[in-house]
Amino acid sequence: MTIPSSLSKANGDKLVIGCACDLAEFSIQIYSRWGELAYEAKTFMSPFNLDLNAKTGKKKQEVPVFNSGTYLYKIRYRKYNSQVYIDATGYINIL
């Protein structure tokens, strides 16, 4: 599984997670530097692709999901034909 360490919103980068294996289960959580959950998903489409310029909220009150800064990610997955869960954590810098 490959995860980038830095991305640029100005360049239109997207968080793309590549995996050369078949996954039976997958979940990802991304937390802000204050420990607030910014994003969560429980499905994996290969490649996983998250738009960093996405907005949330009602039309007139939309706010960016991701501001510039450092985010912690937690990934948990299990491959097919395995009962072992693999946990991965790390940081993503969004510029």
PDB file of N, CA and C in Angstrom:
ATOM      1  N   MET A   1       0.843  -1.158   0.000  1.00  0.00           N
ATOM      2  CA  MET A   1       0.000   0.000   0.000  1.00  0.00           C
ATOM      3  C   MET A   1       0.896   1.231   0.000  1.00  0.00           C
ATOM      4  N   THR A   2       0.638   2.159  -0.914  1.00  0.00           N
ATOM      5  CA  THR A   2       1.440   3.374  -0.994  1.00  0.00           C
ATOM      6  C   THR A   2       0.573   4.589  -0.675  1.00  0.00           C
ATOM      7  N   ILE A   3       1.126   5.465   0.169  1.00  0.00           N
ATOM      8  CA  ILE A   3       0.419   6.658   0.615  1.00  0.00           C
ATOM      9  C   ILE A   3       1.381   7.835   0.501  1.00  0.00           C
ATOM     10  N   PRO A   4       0.986   8.911  -0.170  1.00  0.00           N
ATOM     11  CA  PRO A   4       1.883  10.057  -0.302  1.00  0.00           C
ATOM     12  C   PRO A   4       2.040  10.785   1.028  1.00  0.00           C
ATOM     13  N   SER A   5       3.158  11.488   1.199  1.00  0.00           N
ATOM     14  CA  SER A   5       3.381  12.217   2.442  1.00  0.00           C
ATOM     15  C   SER A   5       3.008  13.691   2.321  1.00  0.00           C
ATOM     16  N   SER A   6       2.987  14.243   1.112  1.00  0.00           N
ATOM     17  CA  SER A   6       2.634  15.654   0.914  1.00  0.00           C
ATOM     18  C   SER A   6       1.778  15.812  -0.333  1.00  0.00           C
ATOM     19  N   LEU A   7       0.827  16.722  -0.246  1.00  0.00           N
ATOM     20  CA  LEU A   7      -0.066  17.005  -1.360  1.00  0.00           C
ATOM     21  C   LEU A   7      -0.299  18.503  -1.439  1.00  0.00           C
ATOM     22  N   SER A   8      -0.633  19.006  -2.620  1.00  0.00           N
ATOM     23  CA  SER A   8      -0.893  20.426  -2.809  1.00  0.00           C
ATOM     24  C   SER A   8      -2.315  20.640  -3.324  1.00  0.00           C
ATOM     25  N   LYS A   9      -3.094  21.388  -2.551  1.00  0.00           N
ATOM     26  CA  LYS A   9      -4.445  21.723  -3.006  1.00  0.00           C
ATOM     27  C   LYS A   9      -4.385  22.639  -4.216  1.00  0.00           C
ATOM     28  N   ALA A  10      -3.400  23.547  -4.245  1.00  0.00           N
ATOM     29  CA  ALA A  10      -3.271  24.500  -5.349  1.00  0.00           C
ATOM     30  C   ALA A  10      -3.053  23.787  -6.681  1.00  0.00           C
ATOM     31  N   ASN A  11      -2.365  22.657  -6.648  1.00  0.00           N
ATOM     32  CA  ASN A  11      -2.111  21.891  -7.868  1.00  0.00           C
ATOM     33  C   ASN A  11      -3.247  20.934  -8.197  1.00  0.00           C
ATOM     34  N   GLY A  12      -4.273  20.898  -7.337  1.00  0.00           N
ATOM     35  CA  GLY A  12      -5.394  19.991  -7.571  1.00  0.00           C
ATOM     36  C   GLY A  12      -5.070  18.552  -7.222  1.00  0.00           C
ATOM     37  N   ASP A  13      -4.037  18.340  -6.386  1.00  0.00           N
ATOM     38  CA  ASP A  13      -3.679  16.979  -5.989  1.00  0.00           C
ATOM     39  C   ASP A  13      -4.847  16.300  -5.281  1.00  0.00           C
ATOM     40  N   LYS A  14      -4.908  15.007  -5.420  1.00  0.00           N
ATOM     41  CA  LYS A  14      -5.891  14.190  -4.714  1.00  0.00           C
ATOM     42  C   LYS A  14      -5.144  13.116  -3.954  1.00  0.00           C
ATOM     43  N   LEU A  15      -5.698  12.734  -2.828  1.00  0.00           N
ATOM     44  CA  LEU A  15      -5.090  11.655  -2.057  1.00  0.00           C
ATOM     45  C   LEU A  15      -5.417  10.346  -2.761  1.00  0.00           C
ATOM     46  N   VAL A  16      -4.404   9.733  -3.333  1.00  0.00           N
ATOM     47  CA  VAL A  16      -4.574   8.468  -4.051  1.00  0.00           C
ATOM     48  C   VAL A  16      -3.772   7.411  -3.314  1.00  0.00           C
ATOM     49  N   ILE A  17      -4.449   6.371  -2.868  1.00  0.00           N
ATOM     50  CA  ILE A  17      -3.798   5.266  -2.172  1.00  0.00           C
ATOM     51  C   ILE A  17      -3.817   4.084  -3.114  1.00  0.00           C
ATOM     52  N   GLY A  18      -2.642   3.612  -3.478  1.00  0.00           N
ATOM     53  CA  GLY A  18      -2.548   2.462  -4.361  1.00  0.00           C
ATOM     54  C   GLY A  18      -2.332   1.185  -3.585  1.00  0.00           C
ATOM     55  N   CYS A  19      -2.910   0.109  -4.050  1.00  0.00           N
ATOM     56  CA  CYS A  19      -2.738  -1.180  -3.387  1.00  0.00           C
ATOM     57  C   CYS A  19      -2.722  -2.265  -4.454  1.00  0.00           C
ATOM     58  N   ALA A  20      -1.694  -3.091  -4.427  1.00  0.00           N
ATOM     59  CA  ALA A  20      -1.557  -4.161  -5.416  1.00  0.00           C
ATOM     60  C   ALA A  20      -2.151  -5.464  -4.899  1.00  0.00           C
ATOM     61  N   CYS A  21      -3.028  -5.368  -3.913  1.00  0.00           N
ATOM     62  CA  CYS A  21      -3.610  -6.577  -3.339  1.00  0.00           C
ATOM     63  C   CYS A  21      -5.130  -6.456  -3.299  1.00  0.00           C
ATOM     64  N   ASP A  22      -5.810  -7.581  -3.204  1.00  0.00           N
ATOM     65  CA  ASP A  22      -7.255  -7.579  -3.061  1.00  0.00           C
ATOM     66  C   ASP A  22      -7.588  -7.457  -1.582  1.00  0.00           C
ATOM     67  N   LEU A  23      -8.410  -6.467  -1.252  1.00  0.00           N
ATOM     68  CA  LEU A  23      -8.748  -6.229   0.142  1.00  0.00           C
ATOM     69  C   LEU A  23     -10.156  -6.716   0.452  1.00  0.00           C
ATOM     70  N   ALA A  24     -10.279  -7.443   1.547  1.00  0.00           N
ATOM     71  CA  ALA A  24     -11.585  -7.889   2.018  1.00  0.00           C
ATOM     72  C   ALA A  24     -12.242  -6.795   2.838  1.00  0.00           C
ATOM     73  N   GLU A  25     -11.434  -6.061   3.605  1.00  0.00           N
ATOM     74  CA  GLU A  25     -11.944  -4.966   4.425  1.00  0.00           C
ATOM     75  C   GLU A  25     -10.947  -3.813   4.399  1.00  0.00           C
ATOM     76  N   PHE A  26     -11.480  -2.597   4.516  1.00  0.00           N
ATOM     77  CA  PHE A  26     -10.641  -1.400   4.492  1.00  0.00           C
ATOM     78  C   PHE A  26     -11.366  -0.281   5.215  1.00  0.00           C
ATOM     79  N   SER A  27     -10.636   0.471   6.019  1.00  0.00           N
ATOM     80  CA  SER A  27     -11.186   1.698   6.601  1.00  0.00           C
ATOM     81  C   SER A  27     -10.060   2.706   6.737  1.00  0.00           C
ATOM     82  N   ILE A  28     -10.422   3.972   6.590  1.00  0.00           N
ATOM     83  CA  ILE A  28      -9.458   5.060   6.752  1.00  0.00           C
ATOM     84  C   ILE A  28     -10.120   6.175   7.546  1.00  0.00           C
ATOM     85  N   GLN A  29      -9.357   6.738   8.462  1.00  0.00           N
ATOM     86  CA  GLN A  29      -9.767   7.925   9.189  1.00  0.00           C
ATOM     87  C   GLN A  29      -8.640   8.944   9.050  1.00  0.00           C
ATOM     88  N   ILE A  30      -9.022  10.195   8.834  1.00  0.00           N
ATOM     89  CA  ILE A  30      -8.046  11.271   8.736  1.00  0.00           C
ATOM     90  C   ILE A  30      -8.423  12.312   9.778  1.00  0.00           C
ATOM     91  N   TYR A  31      -7.447  12.655  10.621  1.00  0.00           N
ATOM     92  CA  TYR A  31      -7.675  13.575  11.732  1.00  0.00           C
ATOM     93  C   TYR A  31      -6.875  14.860  11.534  1.00  0.00           C
ATOM     94  N   SER A  32      -7.470  15.982  11.983  1.00  0.00           N
ATOM     95  CA  SER A  32      -6.762  17.262  11.960  1.00  0.00           C
ATOM     96  C   SER A  32      -5.712  17.276  13.060  1.00  0.00           C
ATOM     97  N   ARG A  33      -4.898  18.318  13.079  1.00  0.00           N
ATOM     98  CA  ARG A  33      -3.860  18.430  14.106  1.00  0.00           C
ATOM     99  C   ARG A  33      -4.448  18.570  15.501  1.00  0.00           C
ATOM    100  N   TRP A  34      -5.737  18.904  15.589  1.00  0.00           N
ATOM    101  CA  TRP A  34      -6.398  19.034  16.884  1.00  0.00           C
ATOM    102  C   TRP A  34      -7.114  17.750  17.283  1.00  0.00           C
ATOM    103  N   GLY A  35      -6.954  16.712  16.492  1.00  0.00           N
ATOM    104  CA  GLY A  35      -7.569  15.427  16.807  1.00  0.00           C
ATOM    105  C   GLY A  35      -9.010  15.290  16.363  1.00  0.00           C
ATOM    106  N   GLU A  36      -9.490  16.244  15.577  1.00  0.00           N
ATOM    107  CA  GLU A  36     -10.859  16.176  15.071  1.00  0.00           C
ATOM    108  C   GLU A  36     -10.901  15.302  13.819  1.00  0.00           C
ATOM    109  N   LEU A  37     -11.901  14.449  13.742  1.00  0.00           N
ATOM    110  CA  LEU A  37     -12.061  13.590  12.576  1.00  0.00           C
ATOM    111  C   LEU A  37     -12.480  14.442  11.384  1.00  0.00           C
ATOM    112  N   ALA A  38     -11.629  14.504  10.357  1.00  0.00           N
ATOM    113  CA  ALA A  38     -11.901  15.300   9.162  1.00  0.00           C
ATOM    114  C   ALA A  38     -12.535  14.464   8.058  1.00  0.00           C
ATOM    115  N   TYR A  39     -12.224  13.165   8.041  1.00  0.00           N
ATOM    116  CA  TYR A  39     -12.716  12.305   6.968  1.00  0.00           C
ATOM    117  C   TYR A  39     -12.692  10.863   7.434  1.00  0.00           C
ATOM    118  N   GLU A  40     -13.685  10.087   6.984  1.00  0.00           N
ATOM    119  CA  GLU A  40     -13.734   8.659   7.294  1.00  0.00           C
ATOM    120  C   GLU A  40     -14.388   7.922   6.138  1.00  0.00           C
ATOM    121  N   ALA A  41     -13.842   6.767   5.801  1.00  0.00           N
ATOM    122  CA  ALA A  41     -14.426   5.912   4.765  1.00  0.00           C
ATOM    123  C   ALA A  41     -14.211   4.458   5.156  1.00  0.00           C
ATOM    124  N   LYS A  42     -15.146   3.615   4.748  1.00  0.00           N
ATOM    125  CA  LYS A  42     -15.033   2.197   5.065  1.00  0.00           C
ATOM    126  C   LYS A  42     -15.061   1.323   3.824  1.00  0.00           C
ATOM    127  N   THR A  43     -14.827   1.938   2.685  1.00  0.00           N
ATOM    128  CA  THR A  43     -14.765   1.173   1.437  1.00  0.00           C
ATOM    129  C   THR A  43     -13.491   1.547   0.694  1.00  0.00           C
ATOM    130  N   PHE A  44     -13.033   0.669  -0.137  1.00  0.00           N
ATOM    131  CA  PHE A  44     -11.810   0.909  -0.907  1.00  0.00           C
ATOM    132  C   PHE A  44     -12.089   0.649  -2.367  1.00  0.00           C
ATOM    133  N   MET A  45     -11.825   1.661  -3.163  1.00  0.00           N
ATOM    134  CA  MET A  45     -11.880   1.501  -4.606  1.00  0.00           C
ATOM    135  C   MET A  45     -10.449   1.715  -5.070  1.00  0.00           C
ATOM    136  N   SER A  46      -9.949   0.874  -5.907  1.00  0.00           N
ATOM    137  CA  SER A  46      -8.554   0.974  -6.307  1.00  0.00           C
ATOM    138  C   SER A  46      -8.450   1.776  -7.598  1.00  0.00           C
ATOM    139  N   PRO A  47      -7.726   2.893  -7.616  1.00  0.00           N
ATOM    140  CA  PRO A  47      -7.052   3.484  -6.464  1.00  0.00           C
ATOM    141  C   PRO A  47      -8.027   4.329  -5.644  1.00  0.00           C
ATOM    142  N   PHE A  48      -7.819   4.381  -4.358  1.00  0.00           N
ATOM    143  CA  PHE A  48      -8.581   5.247  -3.466  1.00  0.00           C
ATOM    144  C   PHE A  48      -8.258   6.680  -3.854  1.00  0.00           C
ATOM    145  N   ASN A  49      -9.257   7.522  -4.019  1.00  0.00           N
ATOM    146  CA  ASN A  49      -9.046   8.853  -4.567  1.00  0.00           C
ATOM    147  C   ASN A  49      -9.898   9.855  -3.793  1.00  0.00           C
ATOM    148  N   LEU A  50      -9.263  10.759  -3.041  1.00  0.00           N
ATOM    149  CA  LEU A  50      -9.972  11.735  -2.218  1.00  0.00           C
ATOM    150  C   LEU A  50      -9.656  13.141  -2.701  1.00  0.00           C
ATOM    151  N   ASP A  51     -10.691  13.893  -3.062  1.00  0.00           N
ATOM    152  CA  ASP A  51     -10.532  15.268  -3.540  1.00  0.00           C
ATOM    153  C   ASP A  51     -10.256  16.191  -2.354  1.00  0.00           C
ATOM    154  N   LEU A  52      -9.068  16.772  -2.304  1.00  0.00           N
ATOM    155  CA  LEU A  52      -8.681  17.644  -1.197  1.00  0.00           C
ATOM    156  C   LEU A  52      -9.377  18.991  -1.243  1.00  0.00           C
ATOM    157  N   ASN A  53      -9.980  19.342  -2.365  1.00  0.00           N
ATOM    158  CA  ASN A  53     -10.693  20.607  -2.478  1.00  0.00           C
ATOM    159  C   ASN A  53     -12.194  20.442  -2.246  1.00  0.00           C
ATOM    160  N   ALA A  54     -12.608  19.272  -1.769  1.00  0.00           N
ATOM    161  CA  ALA A  54     -14.015  19.032  -1.490  1.00  0.00           C
ATOM    162  C   ALA A  54     -14.497  19.971  -0.383  1.00  0.00           C
ATOM    163  N   LYS A  55     -15.784  20.267  -0.429  1.00  0.00           N
ATOM    164  CA  LYS A  55     -16.370  21.135   0.595  1.00  0.00           C
ATOM    165  C   LYS A  55     -17.533  20.411   1.244  1.00  0.00           C
ATOM    166  N   THR A  56     -17.844  20.817   2.466  1.00  0.00           N
ATOM    167  CA  THR A  56     -18.941  20.206   3.191  1.00  0.00           C
ATOM    168  C   THR A  56     -19.855  21.299   3.737  1.00  0.00           C
ATOM    169  N   GLY A  57     -21.081  20.958   4.030  1.00  0.00           N
ATOM    170  CA  GLY A  57     -22.030  21.924   4.571  1.00  0.00           C
ATOM    171  C   GLY A  57     -23.066  22.309   3.541  1.00  0.00           C
ATOM    172  N   LYS A  58     -23.949  23.215   3.943  1.00  0.00           N
ATOM    173  CA  LYS A  58     -24.986  23.693   3.035  1.00  0.00           C
ATOM    174  C   LYS A  58     -24.381  24.666   2.037  1.00  0.00           C
ATOM    175  N   LYS A  59     -25.029  24.812   0.886  1.00  0.00           N
ATOM    176  CA  LYS A  59     -24.460  25.600  -0.212  1.00  0.00           C
ATOM    177  C   LYS A  59     -23.899  26.947   0.204  1.00  0.00           C
ATOM    178  N   LYS A  60     -24.639  27.729   0.964  1.00  0.00           N
ATOM    179  CA  LYS A  60     -24.163  29.058   1.324  1.00  0.00           C
ATOM    180  C   LYS A  60     -23.158  29.034   2.464  1.00  0.00           C
ATOM    181  N   GLN A  61     -23.034  27.889   3.140  1.00  0.00           N
ATOM    182  CA  GLN A  61     -22.127  27.806   4.281  1.00  0.00           C
ATOM    183  C   GLN A  61     -21.065  26.734   4.077  1.00  0.00           C
ATOM    184  N   GLU A  62     -20.747  26.430   2.839  1.00  0.00           N
ATOM    185  CA  GLU A  62     -19.752  25.393   2.571  1.00  0.00           C
ATOM    186  C   GLU A  62     -18.384  25.810   3.090  1.00  0.00           C
ATOM    187  N   VAL A  63     -17.690  24.872   3.672  1.00  0.00           N
ATOM    188  CA  VAL A  63     -16.326  25.103   4.154  1.00  0.00           C
ATOM    189  C   VAL A  63     -15.441  23.983   3.631  1.00  0.00           C
ATOM    190  N   PRO A  64     -14.161  24.258   3.416  1.00  0.00           N
ATOM    191  CA  PRO A  64     -13.264  23.203   2.949  1.00  0.00           C
ATOM    192  C   PRO A  64     -13.146  22.096   3.987  1.00  0.00           C
ATOM    193  N   VAL A  65     -13.129  20.866   3.529  1.00  0.00           N
ATOM    194  CA  VAL A  65     -12.903  19.736   4.423  1.00  0.00           C
ATOM    195  C   VAL A  65     -11.458  19.752   4.894  1.00  0.00           C
ATOM    196  N   PHE A  66     -10.542  20.070   3.987  1.00  0.00           N
ATOM    197  CA  PHE A  66      -9.114  20.060   4.298  1.00  0.00           C
ATOM    198  C   PHE A  66      -8.505  21.431   4.081  1.00  0.00           C
ATOM    199  N   ASN A  67      -8.025  22.048   5.154  1.00  0.00           N
ATOM    200  CA  ASN A  67      -7.227  23.264   5.061  1.00  0.00           C
ATOM    201  C   ASN A  67      -5.763  22.839   5.003  1.00  0.00           C
ATOM    202  N   SER A  68      -4.885  23.773   4.720  1.00  0.00           N
ATOM    203  CA  SER A  68      -3.460  23.459   4.747  1.00  0.00           C
ATOM    204  C   SER A  68      -3.056  23.048   6.151  1.00  0.00           C
ATOM    205  N   GLY A  69      -2.172  22.065   6.242  1.00  0.00           N
ATOM    206  CA  GLY A  69      -1.702  21.613   7.544  1.00  0.00           C
ATOM    207  C   GLY A  69      -1.302  20.149   7.512  1.00  0.00           C
ATOM    208  N   THR A  70      -1.021  19.631   8.681  1.00  0.00           N
ATOM    209  CA  THR A  70      -0.610  18.238   8.831  1.00  0.00           C
ATOM    210  C   THR A  70      -1.777  17.438   9.385  1.00  0.00           C
ATOM    211  N   TYR A  71      -2.041  16.305   8.776  1.00  0.00           N
ATOM    212  CA  TYR A  71      -3.143  15.430   9.165  1.00  0.00           C
ATOM    213  C   TYR A  71      -2.605  14.040   9.485  1.00  0.00           C
ATOM    214  N   LEU A  72      -3.197  13.428  10.470  1.00  0.00           N
ATOM    215  CA  LEU A  72      -2.864  12.047  10.843  1.00  0.00           C
ATOM    216  C   LEU A  72      -3.846  11.124  10.148  1.00  0.00           C
ATOM    217  N   TYR A  73      -3.349  10.058   9.538  1.00  0.00           N
ATOM    218  CA  TYR A  73      -4.262   9.051   8.984  1.00  0.00           C
ATOM    219  C   TYR A  73      -4.087   7.742   9.732  1.00  0.00           C
ATOM    220  N   LYS A  74      -5.193   7.018   9.813  1.00  0.00           N
ATOM    221  CA  LYS A  74      -5.193   5.669  10.376  1.00  0.00           C
ATOM    222  C   LYS A  74      -5.916   4.782   9.369  1.00  0.00           C
ATOM    223  N   ILE A  75      -5.230   3.755   8.939  1.00  0.00           N
ATOM    224  CA  ILE A  75      -5.797   2.812   7.978  1.00  0.00           C
ATOM    225  C   ILE A  75      -5.792   1.425   8.613  1.00  0.00           C
ATOM    226  N   ARG A  76      -6.870   0.711   8.411  1.00  0.00           N
ATOM    227  CA  ARG A  76      -6.968  -0.679   8.875  1.00  0.00           C
ATOM    228  C   ARG A  76      -7.529  -1.486   7.718  1.00  0.00           C
ATOM    229  N   TYR A  77      -6.844  -2.574   7.392  1.00  0.00           N
ATOM    230  CA  TYR A  77      -7.331  -3.391   6.287  1.00  0.00           C
ATOM    231  C   TYR A  77      -7.023  -4.866   6.520  1.00  0.00           C
ATOM    232  N   ARG A  78      -7.719  -5.694   5.746  1.00  0.00           N
ATOM    233  CA  ARG A  78      -7.529  -7.141   5.787  1.00  0.00           C
ATOM    234  C   ARG A  78      -7.583  -7.643   4.356  1.00  0.00           C
ATOM    235  N   LYS A  79      -6.617  -8.472   4.011  1.00  0.00           N
ATOM    236  CA  LYS A  79      -6.583  -9.061   2.674  1.00  0.00           C
ATOM    237  C   LYS A  79      -7.527 -10.264   2.611  1.00  0.00           C
ATOM    238  N   TYR A  80      -7.976 -10.555   1.392  1.00  0.00           N
ATOM    239  CA  TYR A  80      -8.768 -11.769   1.189  1.00  0.00           C
ATOM    240  C   TYR A  80      -7.945 -12.979   1.608  1.00  0.00           C
ATOM    241  N   ASN A  81      -8.587 -14.017   2.051  1.00  0.00           N
ATOM    242  CA  ASN A  81      -7.949 -15.263   2.487  1.00  0.00           C
ATOM    243  C   ASN A  81      -7.039 -15.059   3.698  1.00  0.00           C
ATOM    244  N   SER A  82      -7.313 -14.029   4.491  1.00  0.00           N
ATOM    245  CA  SER A  82      -6.538 -13.788   5.700  1.00  0.00           C
ATOM    246  C   SER A  82      -7.470 -13.271   6.788  1.00  0.00           C
ATOM    247  N   GLN A  83      -7.201 -13.650   7.999  1.00  0.00           N
ATOM    248  CA  GLN A  83      -7.970 -13.152   9.132  1.00  0.00           C
ATOM    249  C   GLN A  83      -7.176 -12.100   9.903  1.00  0.00           C
ATOM    250  N   VAL A  84      -5.999 -11.751   9.407  1.00  0.00           N
ATOM    251  CA  VAL A  84      -5.113 -10.804  10.081  1.00  0.00           C
ATOM    252  C   VAL A  84      -5.405  -9.388   9.601  1.00  0.00           C
ATOM    253  N   TYR A  85      -5.635  -8.479  10.542  1.00  0.00           N
ATOM    254  CA  TYR A  85      -5.825  -7.068  10.225  1.00  0.00           C
ATOM    255  C   TYR A  85      -4.476  -6.354  10.281  1.00  0.00           C
ATOM    256  N   ILE A  86      -4.283  -5.450   9.358  1.00  0.00           N
ATOM    257  CA  ILE A  86      -3.051  -4.667   9.303  1.00  0.00           C
ATOM    258  C   ILE A  86      -3.426  -3.210   9.572  1.00  0.00           C
ATOM    259  N   ASP A  87      -2.724  -2.601  10.522  1.00  0.00           N
ATOM    260  CA  ASP A  87      -2.953  -1.198  10.862  1.00  0.00           C
ATOM    261  C   ASP A  87      -1.776  -0.373  10.382  1.00  0.00           C
ATOM    262  N   ALA A  88      -2.069   0.768   9.778  1.00  0.00           N
ATOM    263  CA  ALA A  88      -1.033   1.687   9.321  1.00  0.00           C
ATOM    264  C   ALA A  88      -1.418   3.098   9.753  1.00  0.00           C
ATOM    265  N   THR A  89      -0.447   3.836  10.257  1.00  0.00           N
ATOM    266  CA  THR A  89      -0.673   5.223  10.607  1.00  0.00           C
ATOM    267  C   THR A  89       0.460   6.070  10.043  1.00  0.00           C
ATOM    268  N   GLY A  90       0.197   7.331   9.857  1.00  0.00           N
ATOM    269  CA  GLY A  90       1.218   8.228   9.359  1.00  0.00           C
ATOM    270  C   GLY A  90       0.651   9.628   9.210  1.00  0.00           C
ATOM    271  N   TYR A  91       1.433  10.498   8.603  1.00  0.00           N
ATOM    272  CA  TYR A  91       1.039  11.891   8.446  1.00  0.00           C
ATOM    273  C   TYR A  91       1.033  12.287   6.981  1.00  0.00           C
ATOM    274  N   ILE A  92       0.098  13.170   6.652  1.00  0.00           N
ATOM    275  CA  ILE A  92       0.007  13.747   5.315  1.00  0.00           C
ATOM    276  C   ILE A  92       0.074  15.259   5.486  1.00  0.00           C
ATOM    277  N   ASN A  93       0.966  15.904   4.756  1.00  0.00           N
ATOM    278  CA  ASN A  93       1.063  17.357   4.772  1.00  0.00           C
ATOM    279  C   ASN A  93       0.285  17.881   3.582  1.00  0.00           C
ATOM    280  N   ILE A  94      -0.678  18.761   3.847  1.00  0.00           N
ATOM    281  CA  ILE A  94      -1.453  19.376   2.774  1.00  0.00           C
ATOM    282  C   ILE A  94      -1.014  20.834   2.668  1.00  0.00           C
ATOM    283  N   LEU A  95      -0.503  21.163   1.492  1.00  0.00           N
ATOM    284  CA  LEU A  95       0.030  22.513   1.265  1.00  0.00           C
ATOM    285  C   LEU A  95      -0.965  23.382   0.530  1.00  0.00           C
TER     286      LEU A  95
END
